[in-house]
C-alpha atoms as a PDB file:
ATOM      1  CA  UNK A   1     147.505  57.410 120.105  1.00  0.00           C
ATOM      2  CA  UNK A   2     150.356  56.047 118.101  1.00  0.00           C
ATOM      3  CA  UNK A   3     153.653  57.978 118.374  1.00  0.00           C
ATOM      4  CA  UNK A   4     153.262  59.360 114.846  1.00  0.00           C
ATOM      5  CA  UNK A   5     149.505  60.068 115.134  1.00  0.00           C
ATOM      6  CA  UNK A   6     146.769  58.343 113.159  1.00  0.00           C
ATOM      7  CA  UNK A   7     147.904  55.394 111.075  1.00  0.00           C
ATOM      8  CA  UNK A   8     146.847  55.831 107.430  1.00  0.00           C
ATOM      9  CA  UNK A   9     146.073  52.862 105.248  1.00  0.00           C
ATOM     10  CA  UNK A  10     147.673  52.977 101.749  1.00  0.00           C
ATOM     11  CA  UNK A  11     147.103  55.581  99.010  1.00  0.00           C
ATOM     12  CA  UNK A  12     146.287  59.299  98.897  1.00  0.00           C
ATOM     13  CA  UNK A  13     142.610  58.868  99.847  1.00  0.00           C
ATOM     14  CA  UNK A  14     143.261  56.109 102.353  1.00  0.00           C
ATOM     15  CA  UNK A  15     141.415  55.879 105.606  1.00  0.00           C
ATOM     16  CA  UNK A  16     143.212  56.348 108.928  1.00  0.00           C
ATOM     17  CA  UNK A  17     142.783  54.227 112.018  1.00  0.00           C
ATOM     18  CA  UNK A  18     142.156  56.369 115.069  1.00  0.00           C
ATOM     19  CA  UNK A  19     141.480  55.606 118.712  1.00  0.00           C
ATOM     20  CA  UNK A  20     139.548  58.016 120.873  1.00  0.00           C
ATOM     21  CA  UNK A  21     137.352  58.105 123.957  1.00  0.00           C
ATOM     22  CA  UNK A  22     133.762  59.175 123.286  1.00  0.00           C
ATOM     23  CA  UNK A  23     131.539  59.738 126.305  1.00  0.00           C
ATOM     24  CA  UNK A  24     133.950  57.667 128.428  1.00  0.00           C
ATOM     25  CA  UNK A  25     133.866  54.736 125.959  1.00  0.00           C
ATOM     26  CA  UNK A  26     137.031  53.771 124.033  1.00  0.00           C
ATOM     27  CA  UNK A  27     136.450  53.662 120.280  1.00  0.00           C
ATOM     28  CA  UNK A  28     138.655  52.605 117.403  1.00  0.00           C
ATOM     29  CA  UNK A  29     137.600  53.532 113.887  1.00  0.00           C
ATOM     30  CA  UNK A  30     138.785  53.807 110.323  1.00  0.00           C
ATOM     31  CA  UNK A  31     138.026  57.306 109.071  1.00  0.00           C
ATOM     32  CA  UNK A  32     138.200  58.979 105.704  1.00  0.00           C
ATOM     33  CA  UNK A  33     140.634  61.900 105.540  1.00  0.00           C
ATOM     34  CA  UNK A  34     137.869  64.385 104.681  1.00  0.00           C
ATOM     35  CA  UNK A  35     135.482  63.345 107.465  1.00  0.00           C
ATOM     36  CA  UNK A  36     134.786  65.787 110.289  1.00  0.00           C
ATOM     37  CA  UNK A  37     134.303  64.909 113.922  1.00  0.00           C
ATOM     38  CA  UNK A  38     130.633  65.849 113.483  1.00  0.00           C
ATOM     39  CA  UNK A  39     130.239  63.278 110.710  1.00  0.00           C
ATOM     40  CA  UNK A  40     132.123  60.641 112.687  1.00  0.00           C
ATOM     41  CA  UNK A  41     129.852  61.154 115.703  1.00  0.00           C
ATOM     42  CA  UNK A  42     126.598  61.115 113.760  1.00  0.00           C
ATOM     43  CA  UNK A  43     127.313  58.687 110.925  1.00  0.00           C
ATOM     44  CA  UNK A  44     129.812  56.253 112.395  1.00  0.00           C
ATOM     45  CA  UNK A  45     128.819  56.247 116.061  1.00  0.00           C
ATOM     46  CA  UNK A  46     125.098  57.044 115.824  1.00  0.00           C
ATOM     47  CA  UNK A  47     125.373  59.952 118.273  1.00  0.00           C
ATOM     48  CA  UNK A  48     122.818  62.199 116.608  1.00  0.00           C
ATOM     49  CA  UNK A  49     122.422  64.642 119.502  1.00  0.00           C
ATOM     50  CA  UNK A  50     125.243  66.700 118.021  1.00  0.00           C
ATOM     51  CA  UNK A  51     123.526  68.598 115.198  1.00  0.00           C
ATOM     52  CA  UNK A  52     124.430  69.578 111.655  1.00  0.00           C
ATOM     53  CA  UNK A  53     123.793  73.299 111.485  1.00  0.00           C
ATOM     54  CA  UNK A  54     125.689  75.763 109.352  1.00  0.00           C
ATOM     55  CA  UNK A  55     128.759  73.504 108.981  1.00  0.00           C
ATOM     56  CA  UNK A  56     130.798  76.721 108.995  1.00  0.00           C
ATOM     57  CA  UNK A  57     131.433  77.056 112.731  1.00  0.00           C
ATOM     58  CA  UNK A  58     128.977  79.912 113.140  1.00  0.00           C
ATOM     59  CA  UNK A  59     125.867  78.436 114.796  1.00  0.00           C
ATOM     60  CA  UNK A  60     127.194  76.222 117.612  1.00  0.00           C
ATOM     61  CA  UNK A  61     124.720  73.373 117.012  1.00  0.00           C
ATOM     62  CA  UNK A  62     127.627  70.910 116.712  1.00  0.00           C
ATOM     63  CA  UNK A  63     129.403  71.885 119.947  1.00  0.00           C
ATOM     64  CA  UNK A  64     131.187  69.127 121.856  1.00  0.00           C
ATOM     65  CA  UNK A  65     133.850  69.007 124.533  1.00  0.00           C
ATOM     66  CA  UNK A  66     137.191  67.950 123.088  1.00  0.00           C
ATOM     67  CA  UNK A  67     139.637  67.167 125.889  1.00  0.00           C
ATOM     68  CA  UNK A  68     137.416  69.343 128.088  1.00  0.00           C
ATOM     69  CA  UNK A  69     137.495  72.365 125.802  1.00  0.00           C
ATOM     70  CA  UNK A  70     134.525  73.608 123.810  1.00  0.00           C
ATOM     71  CA  UNK A  71     134.914  72.701 120.135  1.00  0.00           C
ATOM     72  CA  UNK A  72     132.777  72.978 117.032  1.00  0.00           C
ATOM     73  CA  UNK A  73     132.840  69.451 115.673  1.00  0.00           C
ATOM     74  CA  UNK A  74     131.994  70.582 112.126  1.00  0.00           C
ATOM     75  CA  UNK A  75     135.417  72.255 111.945  1.00  0.00           C
ATOM     76  CA  UNK A  76     137.513  69.455 113.479  1.00  0.00           C
ATOM     77  CA  UNK A  77     138.948  66.827 111.125  1.00  0.00           C
ATOM     78  CA  UNK A  78     138.198  63.405 112.592  1.00  0.00           C
ATOM     79  CA  UNK A  79     141.794  62.260 112.028  1.00  0.00           C
ATOM     80  CA  UNK A  80     142.933  64.986 114.449  1.00  0.00           C
ATOM     81  CA  UNK A  81     140.966  63.308 117.248  1.00  0.00           C
ATOM     82  CA  UNK A  82     143.293  60.342 117.598  1.00  0.00           C
ATOM     83  CA  UNK A  83     144.004  59.837 121.303  1.00  0.00           C
ATOM     84  CA  UNK A  84     141.525  62.499 122.415  1.00  0.00           C
ATOM     85  CA  UNK A  85     138.459  62.587 124.668  1.00  0.00           C
ATOM     86  CA  UNK A  86     135.128  63.717 123.219  1.00  0.00           C
ATOM     87  CA  UNK A  87     131.995  64.480 125.233  1.00  0.00           C
ATOM     88  CA  UNK A  88     128.724  64.954 123.365  1.00  0.00           C
ATOM     89  CA  UNK A  89     125.323  65.931 124.723  1.00  0.00           C
ATOM     90  CA  UNK A  90     124.623  62.211 125.194  1.00  0.00           C
ATOM     91  CA  UNK A  91     127.617  62.070 127.536  1.00  0.00           C
ATOM     92  CA  UNK A  92     126.220  64.688 129.926  1.00  0.00           C
ATOM     93  CA  UNK A  93     123.953  62.119 131.520  1.00  0.00           C
ATOM     94  CA  UNK A  94     125.309  59.804 134.153  1.00  0.00           C
ATOM     95  CA  UNK A  95     123.077  56.746 134.157  1.00  0.00           C
ATOM     96  CA  UNK A  96     119.314  57.241 134.181  1.00  0.00           C
ATOM     97  CA  UNK A  97     119.400  60.702 135.773  1.00  0.00           C
ATOM     98  CA  UNK A  98     119.449  63.858 133.708  1.00  0.00           C
ATOM     99  CA  UNK A  99     122.382  66.184 134.203  1.00  0.00           C
ATOM    100  CA  UNK A 100     121.257  69.231 136.236  1.00  0.00           C
ATOM    101  CA  UNK A 101     121.581  71.320 133.071  1.00  0.00           C
ATOM    102  CA  UNK A 102     119.240  69.031 131.159  1.00  0.00           C
ATOM    103  CA  UNK A 103     116.695  69.080 133.981  1.00  0.00           C
ATOM    104  CA  UNK A 104     116.921  72.873 134.311  1.00  0.00           C
ATOM    105  CA  UNK A 105     116.434  73.379 130.567  1.00  0.00           C
ATOM    106  CA  UNK A 106     113.237  71.327 130.788  1.00  0.00           C
ATOM    107  CA  UNK A 107     112.023  73.029 133.973  1.00  0.00           C
ATOM    108  CA  UNK A 108     112.689  76.551 132.711  1.00  0.00           C
ATOM    109  CA  UNK A 109     111.317  76.129 129.204  1.00  0.00           C
ATOM    110  CA  UNK A 110     114.749  76.798 127.724  1.00  0.00           C
ATOM    111  CA  UNK A 111     113.967  74.883 124.559  1.00  0.00           C
ATOM    112  CA  UNK A 112     111.500  75.508 121.809  1.00  0.00           C
ATOM    113  CA  UNK A 113     112.328  73.808 118.537  1.00  0.00           C
ATOM    114  CA  UNK A 114     115.263  72.136 120.323  1.00  0.00           C
ATOM    115  CA  UNK A 115     117.737  72.257 117.465  1.00  0.00           C
ATOM    116  CA  UNK A 116     120.244  74.426 119.328  1.00  0.00           C
ATOM    117  CA  UNK A 117     119.695  72.688 122.660  1.00  0.00           C
ATOM    118  CA  UNK A 118     122.486  70.066 122.451  1.00  0.00           C
ATOM    119  CA  UNK A 119     125.091  72.716 121.620  1.00  0.00           C
ATOM    120  CA  UNK A 120     123.702  75.034 124.315  1.00  0.00           C
ATOM    121  CA  UNK A 121     123.870  72.261 126.918  1.00  0.00           C
ATOM    122  CA  UNK A 122     127.459  71.360 126.038  1.00  0.00           C
ATOM    123  CA  UNK A 123     128.556  75.021 126.048  1.00  0.00           C
ATOM    124  CA  UNK A 124     126.768  75.586 129.369  1.00  0.00           C
ATOM    125  CA  UNK A 125     128.518  72.544 130.829  1.00  0.00           C
ATOM    126  CA  UNK A 126     131.832  73.950 129.614  1.00  0.00           C
ATOM    127  CA  UNK A 127     131.311  77.304 131.343  1.00  0.00           C
ATOM    128  CA  UNK A 128     130.035  75.761 134.599  1.00  0.00           C
ATOM    129  CA  UNK A 129     132.943  73.290 134.685  1.00  0.00           C
ATOM    130  CA  UNK A 130     135.242  76.317 134.709  1.00  0.00           C
ATOM    131  CA  UNK A 131     133.174  78.554 136.959  1.00  0.00           C
ATOM    132  CA  UNK A 132     130.231  77.097 138.900  1.00  0.00           C
ATOM    133  CA  UNK A 133     129.448  80.622 140.123  1.00  0.00           C
ATOM    134  CA  UNK A 134     129.388  82.238 136.676  1.00  0.00           C
ATOM    135  CA  UNK A 135     127.474  85.495 136.470  1.00  0.00           C
ATOM    136  CA  UNK A 136     124.705  86.123 133.945  1.00  0.00           C
ATOM    137  CA  UNK A 137     127.206  88.121 131.884  1.00  0.00           C
ATOM    138  CA  UNK A 138     129.767  85.288 131.949  1.00  0.00           C
ATOM    139  CA  UNK A 139     127.083  82.790 130.952  1.00  0.00           C
ATOM    140  CA  UNK A 140     125.952  85.046 128.106  1.00  0.00           C
ATOM    141  CA  UNK A 141     129.542  85.440 126.906  1.00  0.00           C
ATOM    142  CA  UNK A 142     130.173  81.686 127.036  1.00  0.00           C
ATOM    143  CA  UNK A 143     126.986  80.968 125.082  1.00  0.00           C
ATOM    144  CA  UNK A 144     127.525  83.773 122.566  1.00  0.00           C
ATOM    145  CA  UNK A 145     128.619  81.294 119.895  1.00  0.00           C
ATOM    146  CA  UNK A 146     125.404  79.302 120.264  1.00  0.00           C
ATOM    147  CA  UNK A 147     122.617  80.631 118.075  1.00  0.00           C
ATOM    148  CA  UNK A 148     118.989  80.171 119.055  1.00  0.00           C
ATOM    149  CA  UNK A 149     116.242  81.472 116.841  1.00  0.00           C
ATOM    150  CA  UNK A 150     113.345  80.631 119.164  1.00  0.00           C
ATOM    151  CA  UNK A 151     113.787  81.415 122.849  1.00  0.00           C
ATOM    152  CA  UNK A 152     115.303  84.878 123.098  1.00  0.00           C
ATOM    153  CA  UNK A 153     117.928  83.416 125.491  1.00  0.00           C
ATOM    154  CA  UNK A 154     116.368  84.577 128.801  1.00  0.00           C
ATOM    155  CA  UNK A 155     115.061  81.111 129.692  1.00  0.00           C
ATOM    156  CA  UNK A 156     118.392  79.600 128.672  1.00  0.00           C
ATOM    157  CA  UNK A 157     120.330  81.918 130.985  1.00  0.00           C
ATOM    158  CA  UNK A 158     117.882  81.225 133.820  1.00  0.00           C
ATOM    159  CA  UNK A 159     118.210  77.472 133.281  1.00  0.00           C
ATOM    160  CA  UNK A 160     122.022  77.643 133.367  1.00  0.00           C
ATOM    161  CA  UNK A 161     121.889  79.741 136.552  1.00  0.00           C
ATOM    162  CA  UNK A 162     119.487  77.243 138.150  1.00  0.00           C
ATOM    163  CA  UNK A 163     121.687  74.285 137.180  1.00  0.00           C
ATOM    164  CA  UNK A 164     124.717  76.119 138.588  1.00  0.00           C
ATOM    165  CA  UNK A 165     122.894  76.401 141.913  1.00  0.00           C
ATOM    166  CA  UNK A 166     122.217  72.643 141.914  1.00  0.00           C
ATOM    167  CA  UNK A 167     125.822  71.855 141.004  1.00  0.00           C
ATOM    168  CA  UNK A 168     126.943  74.005 143.951  1.00  0.00           C
ATOM    169  CA  UNK A 169     124.634  72.026 146.287  1.00  0.00           C
ATOM    170  CA  UNK A 170     121.970  74.730 146.516  1.00  0.00           C
ATOM    171  CA  UNK A 171     118.277  74.375 145.659  1.00  0.00           C
ATOM    172  CA  UNK A 172     117.352  75.141 142.045  1.00  0.00           C
ATOM    173  CA  UNK A 173     115.806  78.494 141.278  1.00  0.00           C
ATOM    174  CA  UNK A 174     112.088  78.231 140.531  1.00  0.00           C
ATOM    175  CA  UNK A 175     111.062  78.705 136.915  1.00  0.00           C
ATOM    176  CA  UNK A 176     109.309  81.919 136.030  1.00  0.00           C
ATOM    177  CA  UNK A 177     105.724  81.489 134.988  1.00  0.00           C
ATOM    178  CA  UNK A 178     105.065  81.957 131.287  1.00  0.00           C
ATOM    179  CA  UNK A 179     103.548  85.374 130.543  1.00  0.00           C
ATOM    180  CA  UNK A 180     100.152  83.787 129.789  1.00  0.00           C
ATOM    181  CA  UNK A 181     100.035  82.276 133.299  1.00  0.00           C
ATOM    182  CA  UNK A 182     100.814  85.500 135.146  1.00  0.00           C
ATOM    183  CA  UNK A 183      97.720  87.099 136.510  1.00  0.00           C
ATOM    184  CA  UNK A 184      97.466  90.547 137.953  1.00  0.00           C
ATOM    185  CA  UNK A 185      95.222  90.757 140.985  1.00  0.00           C
ATOM    186  CA  UNK A 186      92.178  92.970 140.474  1.00  0.00           C
ATOM    187  CA  UNK A 187      93.292  95.379 143.194  1.00  0.00           C
ATOM    188  CA  UNK A 188      96.678  95.885 141.450  1.00  0.00           C
ATOM    189  CA  UNK A 189      95.177  97.147 138.167  1.00  0.00           C
END
């Protein structure tokens, strides 16, 4: 970051040159003064995992980590990201292996339409980075800004708890069977 912040070109609508680290990769870009971090990620960098949702900071679909803190990228002006570190859902992976959260979401059926999933994963990463032993209530509180219209949240909470176990070096919790696969033995009826 330059001592005075982003360096604007000339004129009132001039673009600013910013440098930032996105998913561990240094990037230098010229950005329009009205562009949000969400737009920069999707349009300029092709990182489409971060979703356009409400664009009002109410749904959480655009959640990213900004210097390790949870941020709604639709509310962050791109020019304010000069010198900062951004982690998107694409940055959760380390090489070919899924992050334990990504694997747990798949194993536990924590996605349906999938639109909220990137924001959920980033928010879950944020809470587990701070507390790998988070309780169900702490997980629910941390994910309260992430709206999901499909799953009812139970599978999401179970997936986060399972991933937390893996991150602590414990075996993952087994997924619950979907209701249609649960059978009641004849003698239990």
